[in-house]
Amino acid sequence: MTIVYDNQITVEEASSTHDVLCSDQSFDGIRYTRLPISLLLDFVSNQKKYSAIQYHLGKLELARRDFVDCSRKSFEVEVSHHAIDRLSTVHLHRYLGNNLEGQGIVCWLKQQVIECLDVLDINDIEKINGMTISHNGMRMKFVQHSKIVDRLVLSTLM
């Protein structure tokens, strides 16, 4: 793909953040894959301030960096690398047997986390902190992020 600025493509054309440069004044010419998370979160949370393409690319890049979209919750959810490692070593058979859409392993795990939290239907991060929740044959351990307020982390799978 040719390197393009975000303001040169449409939302429909943007399926990846690779080879897309940011047109925001503060980060003009920087690839989306190199933008700070704070800016990506700003793109997603301040839709009136930014363009539809910046919102869309911000969401894509956050997803690529293992953020889980839980927009129905009052907090963000992150998947730890340890949880992904546990999926690949302990629960790989679940991924292979249930991955009908052909998703990558990280995207599939994110989908499982979203489903788990939707079923749980608790919107208070304090109540979920430290919980181990069973979902689709996996036990998911959630902890509150130690440094970032309003962020829950899937720390491991059992």
N, C-alpha and C. Protein backbone atom coordinates (compact mmCIF):
# COMPACT_ATOMS: atom_id res chain seq x y z
N MET A 1 0.83 -1.19 0.00
CA MET A 1 0.00 0.00 0.00
C MET A 1 0.88 1.25 0.00
N THR A 2 0.41 2.25 -0.67
CA THR A 2 1.10 3.53 -0.71
C THR A 2 0.85 4.28 0.60
N ILE A 3 1.84 5.00 1.05
CA ILE A 3 1.68 5.80 2.27
C ILE A 3 0.80 7.00 1.95
N VAL A 4 -0.25 7.20 2.75
CA VAL A 4 -1.19 8.29 2.53
C VAL A 4 -1.48 8.99 3.85
N TYR A 5 -1.92 10.23 3.75
CA TYR A 5 -2.41 10.96 4.92
C TYR A 5 -3.84 10.54 5.20
N ASP A 6 -4.22 10.62 6.47
CA ASP A 6 -5.58 10.23 6.85
C ASP A 6 -6.65 11.05 6.14
N ASN A 7 -6.36 12.28 5.83
CA ASN A 7 -7.37 13.13 5.16
C ASN A 7 -7.45 12.89 3.65
N GLN A 8 -6.69 11.91 3.15
CA GLN A 8 -6.73 11.55 1.74
C GLN A 8 -7.51 10.26 1.47
N ILE A 9 -8.03 9.65 2.54
CA ILE A 9 -8.78 8.40 2.38
C ILE A 9 -10.12 8.50 3.09
N THR A 10 -11.02 7.61 2.74
CA THR A 10 -12.34 7.57 3.39
C THR A 10 -12.36 6.46 4.43
N VAL A 11 -13.37 6.48 5.28
CA VAL A 11 -13.53 5.45 6.29
C VAL A 11 -13.66 4.08 5.62
N GLU A 12 -14.38 4.04 4.51
CA GLU A 12 -14.57 2.78 3.80
C GLU A 12 -13.26 2.21 3.26
N GLU A 13 -12.32 3.07 2.92
CA GLU A 13 -11.03 2.63 2.37
C GLU A 13 -10.04 2.23 3.46
N ALA A 14 -10.29 2.64 4.68
CA ALA A 14 -9.33 2.44 5.77
C ALA A 14 -9.61 1.16 6.54
N SER A 15 -8.91 0.10 6.18
CA SER A 15 -9.08 -1.16 6.90
C SER A 15 -7.88 -1.46 7.81
N SER A 16 -6.85 -0.63 7.71
CA SER A 16 -5.63 -0.82 8.50
C SER A 16 -4.99 0.55 8.77
N THR A 17 -4.23 0.62 9.87
CA THR A 17 -3.55 1.87 10.19
C THR A 17 -2.12 1.89 9.66
N HIS A 18 -1.67 0.79 9.11
CA HIS A 18 -0.32 0.74 8.54
C HIS A 18 -0.27 1.64 7.31
N ASP A 19 0.80 2.36 7.18
CA ASP A 19 1.03 3.24 6.03
C ASP A 19 0.06 4.41 5.94
N VAL A 20 -0.54 4.80 7.09
CA VAL A 20 -1.41 5.98 7.13
C VAL A 20 -0.76 6.99 8.06
N LEU A 21 -0.59 8.21 7.54
CA LEU A 21 0.02 9.30 8.30
C LEU A 21 -1.05 10.18 8.92
N CYS A 22 -0.77 10.70 10.09
CA CYS A 22 -1.69 11.58 10.80
C CYS A 22 -1.59 13.01 10.27
N SER A 23 -2.73 13.66 10.15
CA SER A 23 -2.74 15.06 9.69
C SER A 23 -2.98 16.04 10.84
N ASP A 24 -3.11 15.54 12.06
CA ASP A 24 -3.29 16.41 13.22
C ASP A 24 -2.06 17.31 13.38
N GLN A 25 -2.28 18.58 13.72
CA GLN A 25 -1.18 19.56 13.80
C GLN A 25 -0.01 19.08 14.66
N SER A 26 -0.32 18.53 15.81
CA SER A 26 0.73 18.13 16.75
C SER A 26 1.55 16.94 16.28
N PHE A 27 0.97 16.09 15.44
CA PHE A 27 1.64 14.87 15.01
C PHE A 27 1.60 14.71 13.49
N ASP A 28 1.65 15.82 12.79
CA ASP A 28 1.58 15.81 11.33
C ASP A 28 2.69 14.97 10.73
N GLY A 29 2.31 14.01 9.89
CA GLY A 29 3.28 13.19 9.20
C GLY A 29 3.73 11.95 9.96
N ILE A 30 3.20 11.73 11.15
CA ILE A 30 3.57 10.55 11.95
C ILE A 30 2.59 9.42 11.64
N ARG A 31 3.12 8.22 11.47
CA ARG A 31 2.27 7.06 11.20
C ARG A 31 1.36 6.78 12.40
N TYR A 32 0.15 6.32 12.12
CA TYR A 32 -0.79 5.97 13.19
C TYR A 32 -0.20 4.90 14.11
N THR A 33 0.61 4.02 13.57
CA THR A 33 1.22 2.97 14.38
C THR A 33 2.25 3.52 15.37
N ARG A 34 2.60 4.79 15.24
CA ARG A 34 3.58 5.42 16.13
C ARG A 34 2.95 6.50 17.03
N LEU A 35 1.67 6.76 16.88
CA LEU A 35 1.02 7.80 17.68
C LEU A 35 0.87 7.37 19.14
N PRO A 36 0.95 8.33 20.07
CA PRO A 36 0.74 7.97 21.48
C PRO A 36 -0.71 7.56 21.74
N ILE A 37 -0.88 6.66 22.68
CA ILE A 37 -2.22 6.17 23.01
C ILE A 37 -3.12 7.32 23.44
N SER A 38 -2.57 8.30 24.13
CA SER A 38 -3.38 9.43 24.59
C SER A 38 -4.06 10.14 23.42
N LEU A 39 -3.36 10.29 22.31
CA LEU A 39 -3.95 10.93 21.13
C LEU A 39 -5.02 10.02 20.51
N LEU A 40 -4.73 8.74 20.42
CA LEU A 40 -5.71 7.80 19.86
C LEU A 40 -6.99 7.80 20.69
N LEU A 41 -6.84 7.80 22.01
CA LEU A 41 -8.02 7.85 22.88
C LEU A 41 -8.77 9.17 22.70
N ASP A 42 -8.03 10.25 22.47
CA ASP A 42 -8.65 11.55 22.21
C ASP A 42 -9.45 11.51 20.91
N PHE A 43 -8.90 10.90 19.86
CA PHE A 43 -9.62 10.76 18.59
C PHE A 43 -10.96 10.05 18.81
N VAL A 44 -10.94 9.02 19.64
CA VAL A 44 -12.13 8.19 19.85
C VAL A 44 -13.13 8.87 20.79
N SER A 45 -12.64 9.56 21.79
CA SER A 45 -13.56 10.14 22.79
C SER A 45 -14.06 11.54 22.43
N ASN A 46 -13.40 12.25 21.53
CA ASN A 46 -13.80 13.61 21.15
C ASN A 46 -14.16 13.67 19.67
N GLN A 47 -15.21 12.97 19.31
CA GLN A 47 -15.58 12.86 17.90
C GLN A 47 -15.91 14.20 17.26
N LYS A 48 -16.38 15.16 18.04
CA LYS A 48 -16.72 16.47 17.47
C LYS A 48 -15.47 17.27 17.12
N LYS A 49 -14.37 16.99 17.81
CA LYS A 49 -13.12 17.72 17.59
C LYS A 49 -12.33 17.18 16.40
N TYR A 50 -12.51 15.88 16.09
CA TYR A 50 -11.73 15.24 15.05
C TYR A 50 -12.62 14.72 13.92
N SER A 51 -12.01 14.39 12.81
CA SER A 51 -12.76 13.91 11.65
C SER A 51 -13.20 12.45 11.84
N ALA A 52 -14.14 12.03 11.01
CA ALA A 52 -14.63 10.65 11.06
C ALA A 52 -13.50 9.67 10.77
N ILE A 53 -12.59 10.02 9.87
CA ILE A 53 -11.49 9.12 9.54
C ILE A 53 -10.52 9.00 10.72
N GLN A 54 -10.28 10.11 11.43
CA GLN A 54 -9.39 10.05 12.60
C GLN A 54 -10.03 9.20 13.70
N TYR A 55 -11.33 9.34 13.88
CA TYR A 55 -12.05 8.50 14.85
C TYR A 55 -11.90 7.04 14.46
N HIS A 56 -12.17 6.72 13.20
CA HIS A 56 -12.11 5.34 12.71
C HIS A 56 -10.69 4.77 12.83
N LEU A 57 -9.70 5.51 12.39
CA LEU A 57 -8.32 5.04 12.46
C LEU A 57 -7.85 4.92 13.92
N GLY A 58 -8.30 5.82 14.77
CA GLY A 58 -7.98 5.74 16.19
C GLY A 58 -8.49 4.44 16.80
N LYS A 59 -9.74 4.08 16.46
CA LYS A 59 -10.31 2.82 16.95
C LYS A 59 -9.55 1.62 16.40
N LEU A 60 -9.21 1.66 15.12
CA LEU A 60 -8.45 0.56 14.52
C LEU A 60 -7.08 0.38 15.19
N GLU A 61 -6.41 1.48 15.44
CA GLU A 61 -5.08 1.39 16.03
C GLU A 61 -5.15 0.95 17.49
N LEU A 62 -6.13 1.41 18.23
CA LEU A 62 -6.30 0.94 19.61
C LEU A 62 -6.56 -0.56 19.63
N ALA A 63 -7.36 -1.02 18.70
CA ALA A 63 -7.63 -2.46 18.61
C ALA A 63 -6.36 -3.23 18.27
N ARG A 64 -5.57 -2.68 17.35
CA ARG A 64 -4.31 -3.33 16.97
C ARG A 64 -3.37 -3.43 18.16
N ARG A 65 -3.43 -2.46 19.05
CA ARG A 65 -2.55 -2.44 20.22
C ARG A 65 -3.16 -3.18 21.42
N ASP A 66 -4.13 -3.99 21.18
CA ASP A 66 -4.73 -4.85 22.21
C ASP A 66 -5.71 -4.16 23.14
N PHE A 67 -6.21 -3.01 22.77
CA PHE A 67 -7.29 -2.42 23.56
C PHE A 67 -8.59 -3.11 23.15
N VAL A 68 -9.47 -3.28 24.11
CA VAL A 68 -10.75 -3.90 23.84
C VAL A 68 -11.81 -2.82 23.84
N ASP A 69 -12.65 -2.80 22.80
CA ASP A 69 -13.71 -1.81 22.72
C ASP A 69 -14.87 -2.23 23.59
N CYS A 70 -15.02 -1.58 24.70
CA CYS A 70 -16.14 -1.84 25.60
C CYS A 70 -16.88 -0.52 25.78
N SER A 71 -17.31 0.06 24.68
CA SER A 71 -17.93 1.38 24.72
C SER A 71 -19.20 1.41 25.56
N ARG A 72 -19.78 0.24 25.80
CA ARG A 72 -20.98 0.19 26.63
C ARG A 72 -20.63 0.26 28.11
N LYS A 73 -19.35 0.16 28.44
CA LYS A 73 -18.89 0.21 29.82
C LYS A 73 -18.32 1.59 30.12
N SER A 74 -18.19 1.87 31.40
CA SER A 74 -17.64 3.16 31.81
C SER A 74 -16.12 3.09 31.96
N PHE A 75 -15.52 2.01 31.45
CA PHE A 75 -14.08 1.84 31.56
C PHE A 75 -13.54 1.16 30.31
N GLU A 76 -12.23 1.27 30.13
CA GLU A 76 -11.54 0.60 29.03
C GLU A 76 -11.08 -0.77 29.51
N VAL A 77 -10.91 -1.70 28.59
CA VAL A 77 -10.42 -3.02 28.93
C VAL A 77 -9.20 -3.32 28.05
N GLU A 78 -8.18 -3.84 28.67
CA GLU A 78 -6.93 -4.17 27.99
C GLU A 78 -6.67 -5.67 28.16
N VAL A 79 -6.09 -6.29 27.17
CA VAL A 79 -5.73 -7.70 27.23
C VAL A 79 -4.21 -7.78 27.39
N SER A 80 -3.76 -8.44 28.46
CA SER A 80 -2.32 -8.53 28.71
C SER A 80 -1.67 -9.54 27.74
N HIS A 81 -0.39 -9.36 27.54
CA HIS A 81 0.36 -10.31 26.71
C HIS A 81 0.38 -11.68 27.38
N HIS A 82 0.39 -11.71 28.70
CA HIS A 82 0.35 -12.98 29.42
C HIS A 82 -0.93 -13.75 29.09
N ALA A 83 -2.06 -13.03 29.05
CA ALA A 83 -3.33 -13.69 28.72
C ALA A 83 -3.29 -14.27 27.30
N ILE A 84 -2.69 -13.55 26.38
CA ILE A 84 -2.57 -14.05 25.00
C ILE A 84 -1.66 -15.29 24.98
N ASP A 85 -0.56 -15.24 25.73
CA ASP A 85 0.32 -16.41 25.82
C ASP A 85 -0.42 -17.62 26.39
N ARG A 86 -1.21 -17.40 27.43
CA ARG A 86 -1.98 -18.50 28.03
C ARG A 86 -2.99 -19.06 27.03
N LEU A 87 -3.62 -18.19 26.26
CA LEU A 87 -4.56 -18.66 25.25
C LEU A 87 -3.82 -19.56 24.25
N SER A 88 -2.65 -19.14 23.83
CA SER A 88 -1.92 -19.89 22.80
C SER A 88 -1.34 -21.21 23.32
N THR A 89 -1.16 -21.33 24.63
CA THR A 89 -0.57 -22.56 25.18
C THR A 89 -1.59 -23.48 25.85
N VAL A 90 -2.61 -22.91 26.48
CA VAL A 90 -3.57 -23.72 27.24
C VAL A 90 -4.91 -23.88 26.52
N HIS A 91 -5.34 -22.86 25.84
CA HIS A 91 -6.68 -22.87 25.24
C HIS A 91 -6.67 -22.76 23.72
N LEU A 92 -5.56 -23.12 23.10
CA LEU A 92 -5.46 -23.00 21.64
C LEU A 92 -6.56 -23.81 20.94
N HIS A 93 -6.91 -24.95 21.49
CA HIS A 93 -7.95 -25.79 20.89
C HIS A 93 -9.30 -25.06 20.84
N ARG A 94 -9.57 -24.22 21.83
CA ARG A 94 -10.83 -23.44 21.82
C ARG A 94 -10.81 -22.43 20.67
N TYR A 95 -9.68 -21.75 20.52
CA TYR A 95 -9.54 -20.79 19.43
C TYR A 95 -9.69 -21.49 18.08
N LEU A 96 -9.00 -22.58 17.90
CA LEU A 96 -9.04 -23.29 16.61
C LEU A 96 -10.41 -23.87 16.32
N GLY A 97 -11.09 -24.36 17.36
CA GLY A 97 -12.40 -24.99 17.17
C GLY A 97 -13.56 -24.03 17.06
N ASN A 98 -13.40 -22.82 17.58
CA ASN A 98 -14.52 -21.86 17.62
C ASN A 98 -14.30 -20.63 16.76
N ASN A 99 -13.24 -20.59 16.02
CA ASN A 99 -12.90 -19.41 15.23
C ASN A 99 -13.48 -19.54 13.82
N LEU A 100 -14.79 -19.45 13.74
CA LEU A 100 -15.48 -19.64 12.46
C LEU A 100 -15.30 -18.45 11.51
N GLU A 101 -15.00 -17.28 12.06
CA GLU A 101 -14.86 -16.07 11.24
C GLU A 101 -13.44 -15.86 10.73
N GLY A 102 -12.51 -16.72 11.11
CA GLY A 102 -11.13 -16.60 10.65
C GLY A 102 -10.38 -15.45 11.29
N GLN A 103 -10.75 -15.07 12.51
CA GLN A 103 -10.09 -13.96 13.20
C GLN A 103 -8.70 -14.38 13.67
N GLY A 104 -7.82 -13.41 13.81
CA GLY A 104 -6.53 -13.66 14.44
C GLY A 104 -6.74 -13.96 15.91
N ILE A 105 -5.73 -14.51 16.55
CA ILE A 105 -5.87 -14.96 17.93
C ILE A 105 -6.17 -13.81 18.89
N VAL A 106 -5.57 -12.65 18.68
CA VAL A 106 -5.82 -11.50 19.57
C VAL A 106 -7.24 -10.98 19.39
N CYS A 107 -7.68 -10.84 18.16
CA CYS A 107 -9.04 -10.37 17.91
C CYS A 107 -10.07 -11.33 18.47
N TRP A 108 -9.82 -12.63 18.33
CA TRP A 108 -10.74 -13.63 18.85
C TRP A 108 -10.82 -13.52 20.37
N LEU A 109 -9.68 -13.35 21.05
CA LEU A 109 -9.68 -13.21 22.50
C LEU A 109 -10.40 -11.95 22.93
N LYS A 110 -10.20 -10.87 22.20
CA LYS A 110 -10.91 -9.62 22.52
C LYS A 110 -12.42 -9.83 22.43
N GLN A 111 -12.86 -10.54 21.41
CA GLN A 111 -14.28 -10.82 21.26
C GLN A 111 -14.81 -11.63 22.44
N GLN A 112 -14.02 -12.59 22.90
CA GLN A 112 -14.41 -13.39 24.07
C GLN A 112 -14.55 -12.52 25.31
N VAL A 113 -13.62 -11.57 25.49
CA VAL A 113 -13.66 -10.66 26.64
C VAL A 113 -14.92 -9.79 26.57
N ILE A 114 -15.22 -9.25 25.40
CA ILE A 114 -16.41 -8.42 25.24
C ILE A 114 -17.67 -9.21 25.58
N GLU A 115 -17.76 -10.43 25.05
CA GLU A 115 -18.92 -11.28 25.35
C GLU A 115 -19.02 -11.57 26.84
N CYS A 116 -17.90 -11.88 27.47
CA CYS A 116 -17.87 -12.18 28.89
C CYS A 116 -18.37 -11.00 29.71
N LEU A 117 -17.87 -9.81 29.41
CA LEU A 117 -18.28 -8.63 30.17
C LEU A 117 -19.72 -8.22 29.88
N ASP A 118 -20.18 -8.46 28.66
CA ASP A 118 -21.59 -8.18 28.33
C ASP A 118 -22.52 -9.09 29.13
N VAL A 119 -22.16 -10.36 29.24
CA VAL A 119 -22.97 -11.31 30.01
C VAL A 119 -22.94 -10.93 31.49
N LEU A 120 -21.78 -10.52 31.97
CA LEU A 120 -21.63 -10.14 33.38
C LEU A 120 -22.51 -8.96 33.73
N ASP A 121 -22.62 -7.99 32.82
CA ASP A 121 -23.48 -6.82 32.97
C ASP A 121 -23.23 -6.04 34.27
N ILE A 122 -21.98 -5.85 34.60
CA ILE A 122 -21.59 -5.00 35.73
C ILE A 122 -20.80 -3.84 35.15
N ASN A 123 -21.16 -2.63 35.53
CA ASN A 123 -20.51 -1.45 34.96
C ASN A 123 -19.57 -0.77 35.95
N ASP A 124 -19.31 -1.41 37.09
CA ASP A 124 -18.46 -0.84 38.13
C ASP A 124 -17.13 -1.59 38.15
N ILE A 125 -16.07 -0.91 37.78
CA ILE A 125 -14.76 -1.54 37.69
C ILE A 125 -14.31 -2.09 39.04
N GLU A 126 -14.68 -1.42 40.12
CA GLU A 126 -14.30 -1.87 41.46
C GLU A 126 -14.88 -3.24 41.78
N LYS A 127 -16.09 -3.51 41.30
CA LYS A 127 -16.73 -4.80 41.56
C LYS A 127 -16.10 -5.93 40.75
N ILE A 128 -15.55 -5.60 39.58
CA ILE A 128 -14.93 -6.61 38.70
C ILE A 128 -13.48 -6.87 39.09
N ASN A 129 -12.83 -5.88 39.71
CA ASN A 129 -11.42 -5.99 40.07
C ASN A 129 -11.18 -7.25 40.90
N GLY A 130 -10.28 -8.10 40.43
CA GLY A 130 -9.92 -9.32 41.14
C GLY A 130 -10.82 -10.52 40.83
N MET A 131 -11.87 -10.31 40.04
CA MET A 131 -12.78 -11.41 39.73
C MET A 131 -12.17 -12.37 38.72
N THR A 132 -12.53 -13.65 38.87
CA THR A 132 -12.24 -14.66 37.87
C THR A 132 -13.59 -15.11 37.35
N ILE A 133 -13.79 -14.98 36.04
CA ILE A 133 -15.09 -15.23 35.43
C ILE A 133 -14.95 -16.34 34.40
N SER A 134 -15.83 -17.34 34.46
CA SER A 134 -15.82 -18.42 33.48
C SER A 134 -16.63 -18.02 32.26
N HIS A 135 -16.05 -18.26 31.09
CA HIS A 135 -16.73 -17.95 29.83
C HIS A 135 -16.20 -18.89 28.75
N ASN A 136 -17.09 -19.60 28.11
CA ASN A 136 -16.74 -20.51 27.01
C ASN A 136 -15.59 -21.46 27.37
N GLY A 137 -15.64 -22.01 28.59
CA GLY A 137 -14.64 -22.98 29.01
C GLY A 137 -13.32 -22.40 29.48
N MET A 138 -13.22 -21.08 29.52
CA MET A 138 -12.00 -20.42 30.00
C MET A 138 -12.35 -19.64 31.26
N ARG A 139 -11.39 -19.59 32.18
CA ARG A 139 -11.56 -18.74 33.36
C ARG A 139 -10.70 -17.50 33.14
N MET A 140 -11.35 -16.34 33.13
CA MET A 140 -10.68 -15.07 32.86
C MET A 140 -10.50 -14.30 34.15
N LYS A 141 -9.26 -13.91 34.43
CA LYS A 141 -8.95 -13.14 35.63
C LYS A 141 -8.77 -11.68 35.25
N PHE A 142 -9.58 -10.80 35.89
CA PHE A 142 -9.53 -9.37 35.62
C PHE A 142 -8.98 -8.62 36.83
N VAL A 143 -8.13 -7.63 36.56
CA VAL A 143 -7.61 -6.75 37.61
C VAL A 143 -7.66 -5.31 37.12
N GLN A 144 -7.78 -4.40 38.05
CA GLN A 144 -7.76 -2.98 37.70
C GLN A 144 -6.32 -2.60 37.38
N HIS A 145 -6.14 -1.78 36.34
CA HIS A 145 -4.80 -1.33 35.95
C HIS A 145 -4.17 -0.59 37.13
N SER A 146 -2.89 -0.84 37.38
CA SER A 146 -2.23 -0.25 38.54
C SER A 146 -1.93 1.24 38.39
N LYS A 147 -1.88 1.75 37.16
CA LYS A 147 -1.52 3.15 36.96
C LYS A 147 -2.59 3.98 36.25
N ILE A 148 -3.43 3.33 35.47
CA ILE A 148 -4.40 4.07 34.67
C ILE A 148 -5.80 3.89 35.26
N VAL A 149 -6.40 4.99 35.62
CA VAL A 149 -7.75 4.96 36.20
C VAL A 149 -8.74 4.51 35.13
N ASP A 150 -9.77 3.82 35.53
CA ASP A 150 -10.83 3.36 34.63
C ASP A 150 -10.33 2.44 33.54
N ARG A 151 -9.36 1.58 33.87
CA ARG A 151 -8.91 0.58 32.91
C ARG A 151 -8.84 -0.77 33.62
N LEU A 152 -9.51 -1.74 33.03
CA LEU A 152 -9.53 -3.10 33.53
C LEU A 152 -8.62 -3.93 32.62
N VAL A 153 -7.88 -4.87 33.20
CA VAL A 153 -6.94 -5.68 32.44
C VAL A 153 -7.32 -7.16 32.57
N LEU A 154 -7.43 -7.86 31.44
CA LEU A 154 -7.52 -9.31 31.47
C LEU A 154 -6.09 -9.78 31.71
N SER A 155 -5.81 -10.21 32.94
CA SER A 155 -4.42 -10.50 33.30
C SER A 155 -3.99 -11.91 32.93
N THR A 156 -4.92 -12.88 33.00
CA THR A 156 -4.54 -14.25 32.65
C THR A 156 -5.78 -15.07 32.31
N LEU A 157 -5.55 -16.19 31.71
CA LEU A 157 -6.59 -17.19 31.43
C LEU A 157 -6.20 -18.48 32.14
N MET A 158 -7.20 -19.16 32.65
CA MET A 158 -6.94 -20.44 33.32
C MET A 158 -7.85 -21.48 32.72
